[in-house]
Amino acid sequence: MRFRLFGPRTEAHIRRSLEYLEEANLAWVEHQAAAEHHAALAKMYAERIARIEEEIKNSHQIRSVVPRQPPDDSRNEIERTKAESVVVYPSRTTR
């Protein structure tokens, strides 16, 4: 008869280690996919920032080229009544 000090236990440890290895590989794949997703988002936002900055720069150049002209009748603008921003409903007693 052979004496096996770590025989049956070693197989259980190896199986458990293989399970841990598989979990680690799956987690790595998930995190790799998430990293690729975040890198794509970062690239998209960088392009968006550059596009918005370019639009702002172009709008400042256009404004400096085209002088603003005052309205024809500025007095009418002052005299116009402003629309109320709050709607007033009649109370229930007056209905």
N, C-alpha and C. Protein backbone atom coordinates (compact mmCIF):
# COMPACT_ATOMS: atom_id res chain seq x y z
N MET A 1 0.83 -1.17 0.00
CA MET A 1 0.00 0.00 0.00
C MET A 1 0.88 1.24 0.00
N ARG A 2 0.45 2.19 -0.78
CA ARG A 2 1.21 3.42 -0.91
C ARG A 2 0.64 4.48 0.02
N PHE A 3 1.52 5.18 0.70
CA PHE A 3 1.09 6.25 1.59
C PHE A 3 1.05 7.55 0.81
N ARG A 4 -0.12 8.14 0.72
CA ARG A 4 -0.27 9.41 -0.02
C ARG A 4 -0.67 10.48 0.97
N LEU A 5 0.25 11.32 1.31
CA LEU A 5 -0.01 12.38 2.28
C LEU A 5 -0.92 13.47 1.69
N PHE A 6 -0.69 13.85 0.44
CA PHE A 6 -1.47 14.92 -0.18
C PHE A 6 -2.30 14.42 -1.36
N GLY A 7 -2.51 13.17 -1.49
CA GLY A 7 -3.19 12.58 -2.63
C GLY A 7 -4.57 13.13 -2.91
N PRO A 8 -5.61 12.70 -2.21
CA PRO A 8 -6.95 13.14 -2.53
C PRO A 8 -7.15 14.64 -2.32
N ARG A 9 -6.50 15.18 -1.33
CA ARG A 9 -6.63 16.61 -1.07
C ARG A 9 -6.01 17.44 -2.18
N THR A 10 -4.96 17.00 -2.76
CA THR A 10 -4.29 17.73 -3.81
C THR A 10 -5.22 17.89 -5.00
N GLU A 11 -5.96 16.87 -5.35
CA GLU A 11 -6.88 16.97 -6.47
C GLU A 11 -7.98 18.00 -6.19
N ALA A 12 -8.47 18.05 -4.98
CA ALA A 12 -9.49 19.04 -4.61
C ALA A 12 -8.91 20.45 -4.71
N HIS A 13 -7.69 20.61 -4.25
CA HIS A 13 -7.04 21.93 -4.33
C HIS A 13 -6.80 22.34 -5.79
N ILE A 14 -6.43 21.38 -6.59
CA ILE A 14 -6.19 21.68 -8.00
C ILE A 14 -7.51 22.06 -8.67
N ARG A 15 -8.58 21.30 -8.37
CA ARG A 15 -9.88 21.65 -8.94
C ARG A 15 -10.30 23.06 -8.52
N ARG A 16 -10.13 23.37 -7.25
CA ARG A 16 -10.50 24.69 -6.74
C ARG A 16 -9.63 25.76 -7.41
N SER A 17 -8.36 25.49 -7.57
CA SER A 17 -7.46 26.45 -8.23
C SER A 17 -7.86 26.65 -9.69
N LEU A 18 -8.29 25.59 -10.35
CA LEU A 18 -8.76 25.72 -11.74
C LEU A 18 -10.03 26.57 -11.80
N GLU A 19 -10.91 26.41 -10.82
CA GLU A 19 -12.10 27.25 -10.76
C GLU A 19 -11.72 28.71 -10.56
N TYR A 20 -10.79 28.97 -9.66
CA TYR A 20 -10.33 30.35 -9.45
C TYR A 20 -9.69 30.92 -10.71
N LEU A 21 -8.93 30.08 -11.41
CA LEU A 21 -8.29 30.52 -12.65
C LEU A 21 -9.35 30.87 -13.69
N GLU A 22 -10.40 30.04 -13.81
CA GLU A 22 -11.46 30.32 -14.76
C GLU A 22 -12.20 31.61 -14.40
N GLU A 23 -12.49 31.82 -13.11
CA GLU A 23 -13.14 33.06 -12.67
C GLU A 23 -12.27 34.27 -12.98
N ALA A 24 -10.98 34.14 -12.74
CA ALA A 24 -10.07 35.25 -13.01
C ALA A 24 -10.02 35.57 -14.51
N ASN A 25 -10.01 34.54 -15.34
CA ASN A 25 -10.00 34.76 -16.79
C ASN A 25 -11.30 35.43 -17.25
N LEU A 26 -12.44 34.98 -16.71
CA LEU A 26 -13.71 35.61 -17.07
C LEU A 26 -13.75 37.06 -16.63
N ALA A 27 -13.28 37.34 -15.43
CA ALA A 27 -13.25 38.72 -14.94
C ALA A 27 -12.34 39.57 -15.81
N TRP A 28 -11.21 39.00 -16.22
CA TRP A 28 -10.29 39.74 -17.08
C TRP A 28 -10.96 40.11 -18.41
N VAL A 29 -11.68 39.14 -19.01
CA VAL A 29 -12.36 39.40 -20.28
C VAL A 29 -13.42 40.48 -20.10
N GLU A 30 -14.19 40.40 -19.01
CA GLU A 30 -15.22 41.42 -18.75
C GLU A 30 -14.61 42.80 -18.57
N HIS A 31 -13.53 42.87 -17.81
CA HIS A 31 -12.90 44.17 -17.58
C HIS A 31 -12.22 44.68 -18.85
N GLN A 32 -11.70 43.79 -19.65
CA GLN A 32 -11.10 44.20 -20.92
C GLN A 32 -12.16 44.81 -21.83
N ALA A 33 -13.33 44.16 -21.88
CA ALA A 33 -14.42 44.69 -22.71
C ALA A 33 -14.88 46.05 -22.18
N ALA A 34 -14.97 46.18 -20.85
CA ALA A 34 -15.36 47.46 -20.27
C ALA A 34 -14.32 48.53 -20.56
N ALA A 35 -13.04 48.16 -20.51
CA ALA A 35 -11.98 49.13 -20.80
C ALA A 35 -12.06 49.60 -22.25
N GLU A 36 -12.34 48.68 -23.17
CA GLU A 36 -12.49 49.07 -24.58
C GLU A 36 -13.69 50.00 -24.76
N HIS A 37 -14.77 49.71 -24.06
CA HIS A 37 -15.96 50.56 -24.12
C HIS A 37 -15.65 51.96 -23.60
N HIS A 38 -14.97 52.03 -22.47
CA HIS A 38 -14.63 53.34 -21.89
C HIS A 38 -13.64 54.09 -22.77
N ALA A 39 -12.72 53.38 -23.40
CA ALA A 39 -11.78 54.05 -24.31
C ALA A 39 -12.52 54.64 -25.50
N ALA A 40 -13.51 53.89 -26.00
CA ALA A 40 -14.30 54.41 -27.13
C ALA A 40 -15.10 55.64 -26.70
N LEU A 41 -15.66 55.61 -25.49
CA LEU A 41 -16.39 56.78 -25.00
C LEU A 41 -15.46 57.97 -24.82
N ALA A 42 -14.28 57.73 -24.28
CA ALA A 42 -13.33 58.82 -24.08
C ALA A 42 -12.94 59.45 -25.42
N LYS A 43 -12.74 58.62 -26.44
CA LYS A 43 -12.41 59.13 -27.77
C LYS A 43 -13.57 59.95 -28.33
N MET A 44 -14.80 59.45 -28.15
CA MET A 44 -15.97 60.15 -28.66
C MET A 44 -16.11 61.52 -27.99
N TYR A 45 -15.93 61.57 -26.67
CA TYR A 45 -16.06 62.85 -25.98
C TYR A 45 -14.92 63.80 -26.34
N ALA A 46 -13.74 63.29 -26.56
CA ALA A 46 -12.63 64.15 -26.99
C ALA A 46 -12.95 64.78 -28.35
N GLU A 47 -13.52 63.98 -29.26
CA GLU A 47 -13.91 64.52 -30.57
C GLU A 47 -15.04 65.54 -30.42
N ARG A 48 -15.96 65.27 -29.52
CA ARG A 48 -17.06 66.21 -29.29
C ARG A 48 -16.56 67.53 -28.74
N ILE A 49 -15.62 67.47 -27.79
CA ILE A 49 -15.05 68.68 -27.22
C ILE A 49 -14.35 69.49 -28.30
N ALA A 50 -13.57 68.82 -29.14
CA ALA A 50 -12.86 69.53 -30.21
C ALA A 50 -13.85 70.18 -31.18
N ARG A 51 -14.94 69.48 -31.50
CA ARG A 51 -15.94 70.03 -32.42
C ARG A 51 -16.64 71.24 -31.81
N ILE A 52 -17.01 71.17 -30.53
CA ILE A 52 -17.68 72.29 -29.87
C ILE A 52 -16.75 73.48 -29.75
N GLU A 53 -15.49 73.22 -29.39
CA GLU A 53 -14.52 74.32 -29.29
C GLU A 53 -14.34 75.00 -30.65
N GLU A 54 -14.32 74.21 -31.72
CA GLU A 54 -14.17 74.77 -33.06
C GLU A 54 -15.38 75.63 -33.42
N GLU A 55 -16.58 75.15 -33.08
CA GLU A 55 -17.79 75.93 -33.34
C GLU A 55 -17.78 77.25 -32.57
N ILE A 56 -17.33 77.21 -31.32
CA ILE A 56 -17.26 78.43 -30.51
C ILE A 56 -16.24 79.40 -31.12
N LYS A 57 -15.10 78.87 -31.53
CA LYS A 57 -14.07 79.72 -32.14
C LYS A 57 -14.58 80.36 -33.41
N ASN A 58 -15.27 79.58 -34.24
CA ASN A 58 -15.81 80.11 -35.49
C ASN A 58 -16.91 81.14 -35.23
N SER A 59 -17.72 80.94 -34.22
CA SER A 59 -18.79 81.91 -33.93
C SER A 59 -18.21 83.24 -33.45
N HIS A 60 -17.10 83.20 -32.71
CA HIS A 60 -16.45 84.45 -32.28
C HIS A 60 -15.85 85.19 -33.47
N GLN A 61 -15.33 84.46 -34.43
CA GLN A 61 -14.76 85.10 -35.61
C GLN A 61 -15.85 85.75 -36.45
N ILE A 62 -16.98 85.08 -36.58
CA ILE A 62 -18.09 85.64 -37.37
C ILE A 62 -18.63 86.90 -36.70
N ARG A 63 -18.75 86.87 -35.39
CA ARG A 63 -19.26 88.05 -34.68
C ARG A 63 -18.35 89.25 -34.83
N SER A 64 -17.05 89.01 -34.82
CA SER A 64 -16.14 90.14 -34.94
C SER A 64 -16.15 90.72 -36.36
N VAL A 65 -16.50 89.92 -37.35
CA VAL A 65 -16.54 90.39 -38.73
C VAL A 65 -17.84 91.14 -39.01
N VAL A 66 -18.98 90.64 -38.52
CA VAL A 66 -20.27 91.25 -38.78
C VAL A 66 -20.62 92.19 -37.63
N PRO A 67 -20.65 93.52 -37.89
CA PRO A 67 -20.99 94.44 -36.79
C PRO A 67 -22.49 94.35 -36.47
N ARG A 68 -22.81 94.48 -35.22
CA ARG A 68 -24.21 94.46 -34.80
C ARG A 68 -24.84 95.81 -35.08
N GLN A 69 -26.05 95.79 -35.57
CA GLN A 69 -26.77 97.02 -35.83
C GLN A 69 -27.90 97.14 -34.82
N PRO A 70 -28.12 98.35 -34.32
CA PRO A 70 -29.21 98.53 -33.36
C PRO A 70 -30.55 98.32 -34.05
N PRO A 71 -31.58 97.91 -33.32
CA PRO A 71 -32.89 97.74 -33.93
C PRO A 71 -33.43 99.07 -34.44
N ASP A 72 -34.30 98.98 -35.44
CA ASP A 72 -34.85 100.19 -36.06
C ASP A 72 -35.64 101.03 -35.07
N ASP A 73 -36.48 100.39 -34.33
CA ASP A 73 -37.31 101.14 -33.39
C ASP A 73 -37.11 100.58 -31.99
N SER A 74 -36.08 101.04 -31.32
CA SER A 74 -35.76 100.53 -30.00
C SER A 74 -36.79 100.97 -28.96
N ARG A 75 -37.49 102.07 -29.22
CA ARG A 75 -38.49 102.55 -28.28
C ARG A 75 -39.66 101.57 -28.19
N ASN A 76 -40.03 100.95 -29.30
CA ASN A 76 -41.12 99.98 -29.30
C ASN A 76 -40.79 98.76 -28.44
N GLU A 77 -39.54 98.38 -28.44
CA GLU A 77 -39.15 97.23 -27.62
C GLU A 77 -39.33 97.52 -26.14
N ILE A 78 -39.05 98.73 -25.73
CA ILE A 78 -39.19 99.09 -24.32
C ILE A 78 -40.66 99.16 -23.93
N GLU A 79 -41.48 99.68 -24.83
CA GLU A 79 -42.89 99.89 -24.52
C GLU A 79 -43.72 98.61 -24.59
N ARG A 80 -43.20 97.56 -25.23
CA ARG A 80 -43.96 96.33 -25.36
C ARG A 80 -44.21 95.71 -23.98
N THR A 81 -45.38 95.17 -23.82
CA THR A 81 -45.67 94.50 -22.55
C THR A 81 -45.11 93.09 -22.62
N LYS A 82 -44.54 92.67 -21.54
CA LYS A 82 -43.96 91.34 -21.47
C LYS A 82 -45.05 90.34 -21.09
N ALA A 83 -45.00 89.18 -21.68
CA ALA A 83 -45.95 88.14 -21.33
C ALA A 83 -45.64 87.62 -19.94
N GLU A 84 -46.69 87.33 -19.21
CA GLU A 84 -46.49 86.81 -17.87
C GLU A 84 -45.95 85.39 -17.95
N SER A 85 -45.03 85.09 -17.08
CA SER A 85 -44.44 83.76 -17.11
C SER A 85 -45.24 82.78 -16.26
N VAL A 86 -46.16 83.30 -15.46
CA VAL A 86 -46.97 82.43 -14.61
C VAL A 86 -48.42 82.55 -15.06
N VAL A 87 -49.06 81.43 -15.26
CA VAL A 87 -50.46 81.43 -15.66
C VAL A 87 -51.31 81.48 -14.41
N VAL A 88 -52.24 82.41 -14.38
CA VAL A 88 -53.11 82.55 -13.22
C VAL A 88 -54.45 81.93 -13.56
N TYR A 89 -54.82 80.93 -12.81
CA TYR A 89 -56.10 80.26 -13.01
C TYR A 89 -57.13 80.85 -12.05
N PRO A 90 -58.39 80.93 -12.45
CA PRO A 90 -59.41 81.45 -11.54
C PRO A 90 -59.61 80.48 -10.38
N SER A 91 -59.98 81.03 -9.24
CA SER A 91 -60.19 80.19 -8.07
C SER A 91 -61.48 79.40 -8.24
N ARG A 92 -61.68 78.39 -7.45
CA ARG A 92 -62.86 77.54 -7.57
C ARG A 92 -64.14 78.30 -7.20
N THR A 93 -64.04 79.28 -6.34
CA THR A 93 -65.24 80.00 -5.92
C THR A 93 -65.78 80.87 -7.02
N THR A 94 -64.97 81.30 -7.97
CA THR A 94 -65.44 82.18 -9.04
C THR A 94 -65.94 81.40 -10.25
N ARG A 95 -65.82 80.12 -10.25
CA ARG A 95 -66.29 79.32 -11.40
C ARG A 95 -67.76 79.12 -11.41
